[in-house]
Amino acid sequence: MIETPDTGSSRSAFLSRDRFAGIVLIVVAGLIAWQAMALPLGTWRNPGPAYMPLLTAAVMALMAAVVVWQGGGLPLRAMPWPEVRHAALLIAGCAFAAWALERLGYRLTTMILLVFFLGLLERRHPIAVAAVALALPLGSFFLFSDLLRVPLPRGPWGF
């Protein structure tokens, strides 16, 4: 009989990177469905505003369940995490955007995010960062707010 070395608990063998990603997607699909339940569902002939988010969450959860069932990939503990700081800063930037959008307005929030992402995280040339951080928020605000009449937050100073 050939003996194999102990590679850890069965839990760590079960929790591969693919299974972990599938579990995270199932949780996200559950959160989408929970938030969508605050809206009227409607019927399949006359769908309400919750219809598409619920359908999307259901498909997402189904595909994530297949990923969990199939498994595969490196065990989560064996994976190298060289970009964990970078990922944490990206998530922090997105959390800032969610907090600041109504408080500071679309244009100012987007400018701050672009300077943070391009200037601090990606370390791009300051002139390029300044050009993108000015042109993109102003241009997209003009497109969506003025031309397409999509209401975007203006912030406390009307900017």
C-alpha atoms as a PDB file:
ATOM      1  CA  MET A   1       0.000   0.000   0.000  1.00  0.00           C
ATOM      2  CA  ILE A   2       1.342   3.420  -0.959  1.00  0.00           C
ATOM      3  CA  GLU A   3       1.025   6.118   1.660  1.00  0.00           C
ATOM      4  CA  THR A   4       0.520   9.718   0.651  1.00  0.00           C
ATOM      5  CA  PRO A   5       1.807  12.559   2.792  1.00  0.00           C
ATOM      6  CA  ASP A   6      -0.735  14.478   4.825  1.00  0.00           C
ATOM      7  CA  THR A   7      -1.528  17.680   2.930  1.00  0.00           C
ATOM      8  CA  GLY A   8      -3.694  19.194   5.631  1.00  0.00           C
ATOM      9  CA  SER A   9      -7.286  18.926   6.638  1.00  0.00           C
ATOM     10  CA  SER A  10     -10.029  17.877   4.276  1.00  0.00           C
ATOM     11  CA  ARG A  11     -11.483  21.385   4.647  1.00  0.00           C
ATOM     12  CA  SER A  12      -8.376  23.007   3.152  1.00  0.00           C
ATOM     13  CA  ALA A  13      -8.397  20.449   0.323  1.00  0.00           C
ATOM     14  CA  PHE A  14     -12.048  21.285  -0.342  1.00  0.00           C
ATOM     15  CA  LEU A  15     -11.483  25.037  -0.350  1.00  0.00           C
ATOM     16  CA  SER A  16      -9.724  25.604  -3.654  1.00  0.00           C
ATOM     17  CA  ARG A  17      -9.528  29.004  -5.279  1.00  0.00           C
ATOM     18  CA  ASP A  18     -12.312  28.116  -7.714  1.00  0.00           C
ATOM     19  CA  ARG A  19     -14.620  26.910  -4.946  1.00  0.00           C
ATOM     20  CA  PHE A  20     -13.882  30.003  -2.877  1.00  0.00           C
ATOM     21  CA  ALA A  21     -14.684  32.242  -5.862  1.00  0.00           C
ATOM     22  CA  GLY A  22     -17.916  30.291  -6.443  1.00  0.00           C
ATOM     23  CA  ILE A  23     -18.944  30.701  -2.804  1.00  0.00           C
ATOM     24  CA  VAL A  24     -18.252  34.450  -2.970  1.00  0.00           C
ATOM     25  CA  LEU A  25     -20.361  34.703  -6.140  1.00  0.00           C
ATOM     26  CA  ILE A  26     -23.228  32.837  -4.468  1.00  0.00           C
ATOM     27  CA  VAL A  27     -23.102  35.309  -1.570  1.00  0.00           C
ATOM     28  CA  VAL A  28     -23.082  38.255  -3.999  1.00  0.00           C
ATOM     29  CA  ALA A  29     -26.026  36.748  -5.897  1.00  0.00           C
ATOM     30  CA  GLY A  30     -27.878  36.399  -2.596  1.00  0.00           C
ATOM     31  CA  LEU A  31     -27.214  40.052  -1.771  1.00  0.00           C
ATOM     32  CA  ILE A  32     -28.452  41.119  -5.213  1.00  0.00           C
ATOM     33  CA  ALA A  33     -31.617  39.068  -4.780  1.00  0.00           C
ATOM     34  CA  TRP A  34     -32.170  40.440  -1.265  1.00  0.00           C
ATOM     35  CA  GLN A  35     -31.846  44.044  -2.484  1.00  0.00           C
ATOM     36  CA  ALA A  36     -34.075  43.364  -5.495  1.00  0.00           C
ATOM     37  CA  MET A  37     -36.865  42.055  -3.267  1.00  0.00           C
ATOM     38  CA  ALA A  38     -37.512  45.632  -2.130  1.00  0.00           C
ATOM     39  CA  LEU A  39     -38.824  46.327  -5.654  1.00  0.00           C
ATOM     40  CA  PRO A  40     -42.011  44.997  -7.272  1.00  0.00           C
ATOM     41  CA  LEU A  41     -41.437  41.769  -9.208  1.00  0.00           C
ATOM     42  CA  GLY A  42     -44.276  41.956 -11.716  1.00  0.00           C
ATOM     43  CA  THR A  43     -45.042  39.021 -14.015  1.00  0.00           C
ATOM     44  CA  TRP A  44     -43.168  37.429 -16.863  1.00  0.00           C
ATOM     45  CA  ARG A  45     -45.429  39.271 -19.324  1.00  0.00           C
ATOM     46  CA  ASN A  46     -45.184  42.588 -17.502  1.00  0.00           C
ATOM     47  CA  PRO A  47     -41.910  42.485 -15.529  1.00  0.00           C
ATOM     48  CA  GLY A  48     -41.323  44.906 -12.696  1.00  0.00           C
ATOM     49  CA  PRO A  49     -38.019  46.538 -11.723  1.00  0.00           C
ATOM     50  CA  ALA A  50     -36.982  43.525  -9.604  1.00  0.00           C
ATOM     51  CA  TYR A  51     -37.427  41.028 -12.425  1.00  0.00           C
ATOM     52  CA  MET A  52     -34.066  41.457 -14.177  1.00  0.00           C
ATOM     53  CA  PRO A  53     -31.906  41.706 -11.020  1.00  0.00           C
ATOM     54  CA  LEU A  54     -33.558  38.553  -9.644  1.00  0.00           C
ATOM     55  CA  LEU A  55     -33.092  36.708 -12.923  1.00  0.00           C
ATOM     56  CA  THR A  56     -29.463  37.826 -13.065  1.00  0.00           C
ATOM     57  CA  ALA A  57     -28.883  36.753  -9.450  1.00  0.00           C
ATOM     58  CA  ALA A  58     -30.457  33.349 -10.117  1.00  0.00           C
ATOM     59  CA  VAL A  59     -28.297  32.698 -13.192  1.00  0.00           C
ATOM     60  CA  MET A  60     -25.215  33.939 -11.353  1.00  0.00           C
ATOM     61  CA  ALA A  61     -25.909  31.678  -8.356  1.00  0.00           C
ATOM     62  CA  LEU A  62     -26.544  28.685 -10.636  1.00  0.00           C
ATOM     63  CA  MET A  63     -23.269  29.158 -12.507  1.00  0.00           C
ATOM     64  CA  ALA A  64     -21.400  29.758  -9.241  1.00  0.00           C
ATOM     65  CA  ALA A  65     -22.872  26.529  -7.840  1.00  0.00           C
ATOM     66  CA  VAL A  66     -21.478  24.679 -10.852  1.00  0.00           C
ATOM     67  CA  VAL A  67     -18.059  26.213 -10.157  1.00  0.00           C
ATOM     68  CA  VAL A  68     -18.266  25.109  -6.506  1.00  0.00           C
ATOM     69  CA  TRP A  69     -19.350  21.632  -7.539  1.00  0.00           C
ATOM     70  CA  GLN A  70     -16.582  21.265 -10.145  1.00  0.00           C
ATOM     71  CA  GLY A  71     -13.900  22.627  -7.820  1.00  0.00           C
ATOM     72  CA  GLY A  72     -10.364  22.650  -9.135  1.00  0.00           C
ATOM     73  CA  GLY A  73      -7.489  25.042  -8.879  1.00  0.00           C
ATOM     74  CA  LEU A  74      -4.869  25.410  -6.203  1.00  0.00           C
ATOM     75  CA  PRO A  75      -5.867  25.052  -2.578  1.00  0.00           C
ATOM     76  CA  LEU A  76      -6.577  28.477  -1.177  1.00  0.00           C
ATOM     77  CA  ARG A  77      -3.811  28.189   1.424  1.00  0.00           C
ATOM     78  CA  ALA A  78      -1.218  27.298  -1.228  1.00  0.00           C
ATOM     79  CA  MET A  79      -1.961  30.316  -3.400  1.00  0.00           C
ATOM     80  CA  PRO A  80       0.483  33.196  -3.404  1.00  0.00           C
ATOM     81  CA  TRP A  81      -1.083  36.570  -2.608  1.00  0.00           C
ATOM     82  CA  PRO A  82       1.356  39.129  -4.050  1.00  0.00           C
ATOM     83  CA  GLU A  83      -1.371  41.613  -5.036  1.00  0.00           C
ATOM     84  CA  VAL A  84      -3.436  41.566  -1.834  1.00  0.00           C
ATOM     85  CA  ARG A  85      -2.429  45.147  -0.930  1.00  0.00           C
ATOM     86  CA  HIS A  86      -3.322  46.364  -4.412  1.00  0.00           C
ATOM     87  CA  ALA A  87      -6.693  44.593  -4.300  1.00  0.00           C
ATOM     88  CA  ALA A  88      -7.453  45.996  -0.843  1.00  0.00           C
ATOM     89  CA  LEU A  89      -6.726  49.528  -2.064  1.00  0.00           C
ATOM     90  CA  LEU A  90      -8.997  49.014  -5.096  1.00  0.00           C
ATOM     91  CA  ILE A  91     -11.806  47.870  -2.821  1.00  0.00           C
ATOM     92  CA  ALA A  92     -11.166  50.835  -0.526  1.00  0.00           C
ATOM     93  CA  GLY A  93     -11.411  53.183  -3.529  1.00  0.00           C
ATOM     94  CA  CYS A  94     -14.739  51.632  -4.540  1.00  0.00           C
ATOM     95  CA  ALA A  95     -16.031  51.949  -0.979  1.00  0.00           C
ATOM     96  CA  PHE A  96     -14.983  55.605  -0.979  1.00  0.00           C
ATOM     97  CA  ALA A  97     -16.876  56.131  -4.247  1.00  0.00           C
ATOM     98  CA  ALA A  98     -20.024  54.592  -2.790  1.00  0.00           C
ATOM     99  CA  TRP A  99     -19.746  56.852   0.251  1.00  0.00           C
ATOM    100  CA  ALA A 100     -18.746  60.049  -1.577  1.00  0.00           C
ATOM    101  CA  LEU A 101     -20.900  60.016  -4.710  1.00  0.00           C
ATOM    102  CA  GLU A 102     -23.942  61.701  -3.156  1.00  0.00           C
ATOM    103  CA  ARG A 103     -21.869  63.832  -0.786  1.00  0.00           C
ATOM    104  CA  LEU A 104     -19.288  65.222  -3.229  1.00  0.00           C
ATOM    105  CA  GLY A 105     -21.050  64.746  -6.551  1.00  0.00           C
ATOM    106  CA  TYR A 106     -20.215  62.690  -9.612  1.00  0.00           C
ATOM    107  CA  ARG A 107     -17.497  64.884 -11.103  1.00  0.00           C
ATOM    108  CA  LEU A 108     -15.474  65.487  -7.939  1.00  0.00           C
ATOM    109  CA  THR A 109     -15.745  61.880  -6.763  1.00  0.00           C
ATOM    110  CA  THR A 110     -14.641  60.583 -10.159  1.00  0.00           C
ATOM    111  CA  MET A 111     -11.719  63.024 -10.256  1.00  0.00           C
ATOM    112  CA  ILE A 112     -10.528  61.912  -6.818  1.00  0.00           C
ATOM    113  CA  LEU A 113     -10.861  58.236  -7.765  1.00  0.00           C
ATOM    114  CA  LEU A 114      -8.932  58.659 -10.998  1.00  0.00           C
ATOM    115  CA  VAL A 115      -6.093  60.474  -9.228  1.00  0.00           C
ATOM    116  CA  PHE A 116      -6.052  57.721  -6.582  1.00  0.00           C
ATOM    117  CA  PHE A 117      -6.204  54.825  -9.050  1.00  0.00           C
ATOM    118  CA  LEU A 118      -3.956  56.180 -11.793  1.00  0.00           C
ATOM    119  CA  GLY A 119      -1.622  58.366  -9.783  1.00  0.00           C
ATOM    120  CA  LEU A 120      -1.124  56.490  -6.543  1.00  0.00           C
ATOM    121  CA  LEU A 121      -1.859  52.860  -7.408  1.00  0.00           C
ATOM    122  CA  GLU A 122      -0.709  52.655 -11.028  1.00  0.00           C
ATOM    123  CA  ARG A 123       1.963  55.380 -10.717  1.00  0.00           C
ATOM    124  CA  ARG A 124       1.301  56.945 -14.114  1.00  0.00           C
ATOM    125  CA  HIS A 125       2.841  60.203 -15.268  1.00  0.00           C
ATOM    126  CA  PRO A 126       1.329  63.182 -13.405  1.00  0.00           C
ATOM    127  CA  ILE A 127       0.423  65.053 -16.603  1.00  0.00           C
ATOM    128  CA  ALA A 128      -1.435  62.022 -17.968  1.00  0.00           C
ATOM    129  CA  VAL A 129      -3.191  61.547 -14.631  1.00  0.00           C
ATOM    130  CA  ALA A 130      -4.253  65.198 -14.541  1.00  0.00           C
ATOM    131  CA  ALA A 131      -5.501  65.077 -18.129  1.00  0.00           C
ATOM    132  CA  VAL A 132      -7.554  61.928 -17.591  1.00  0.00           C
ATOM    133  CA  ALA A 133      -8.802  63.066 -14.166  1.00  0.00           C
ATOM    134  CA  LEU A 134     -10.155  66.262 -15.717  1.00  0.00           C
ATOM    135  CA  ALA A 135     -11.332  65.068 -19.127  1.00  0.00           C
ATOM    136  CA  LEU A 136     -13.097  61.844 -18.178  1.00  0.00           C
ATOM    137  CA  PRO A 137     -15.377  63.140 -15.380  1.00  0.00           C
ATOM    138  CA  LEU A 138     -16.223  66.354 -17.201  1.00  0.00           C
ATOM    139  CA  GLY A 139     -16.793  64.641 -20.541  1.00  0.00           C
ATOM    140  CA  SER A 140     -18.831  61.767 -19.136  1.00  0.00           C
ATOM    141  CA  PHE A 141     -20.894  64.155 -17.015  1.00  0.00           C
ATOM    142  CA  PHE A 142     -21.649  66.258 -20.098  1.00  0.00           C
ATOM    143  CA  LEU A 143     -22.588  63.143 -22.080  1.00  0.00           C
ATOM    144  CA  PHE A 144     -24.850  61.573 -19.481  1.00  0.00           C
ATOM    145  CA  SER A 145     -26.281  64.582 -17.689  1.00  0.00           C
ATOM    146  CA  ASP A 146     -26.584  67.150 -20.462  1.00  0.00           C
ATOM    147  CA  LEU A 147     -27.010  65.120 -23.629  1.00  0.00           C
ATOM    148  CA  LEU A 148     -28.730  61.967 -22.372  1.00  0.00           C
ATOM    149  CA  ARG A 149     -30.552  63.666 -19.467  1.00  0.00           C
ATOM    150  CA  VAL A 150     -29.475  61.079 -16.892  1.00  0.00           C
ATOM    151  CA  PRO A 151     -29.565  62.714 -13.442  1.00  0.00           C
ATOM    152  CA  LEU A 152     -26.156  62.473 -11.780  1.00  0.00           C
ATOM    153  CA  PRO A 153     -25.294  63.702  -8.279  1.00  0.00           C
ATOM    154  CA  ARG A 154     -23.966  67.263  -8.313  1.00  0.00           C
ATOM    155  CA  GLY A 155     -22.734  67.489  -4.726  1.00  0.00           C
ATOM    156  CA  PRO A 156     -23.160  70.273  -2.171  1.00  0.00           C
ATOM    157  CA  TRP A 157     -21.678  73.023  -4.352  1.00  0.00           C
ATOM    158  CA  GLY A 158     -23.605  72.113  -7.505  1.00  0.00           C
ATOM    159  CA  PHE A 159     -20.402  70.870  -9.133  1.00  0.00           C
END
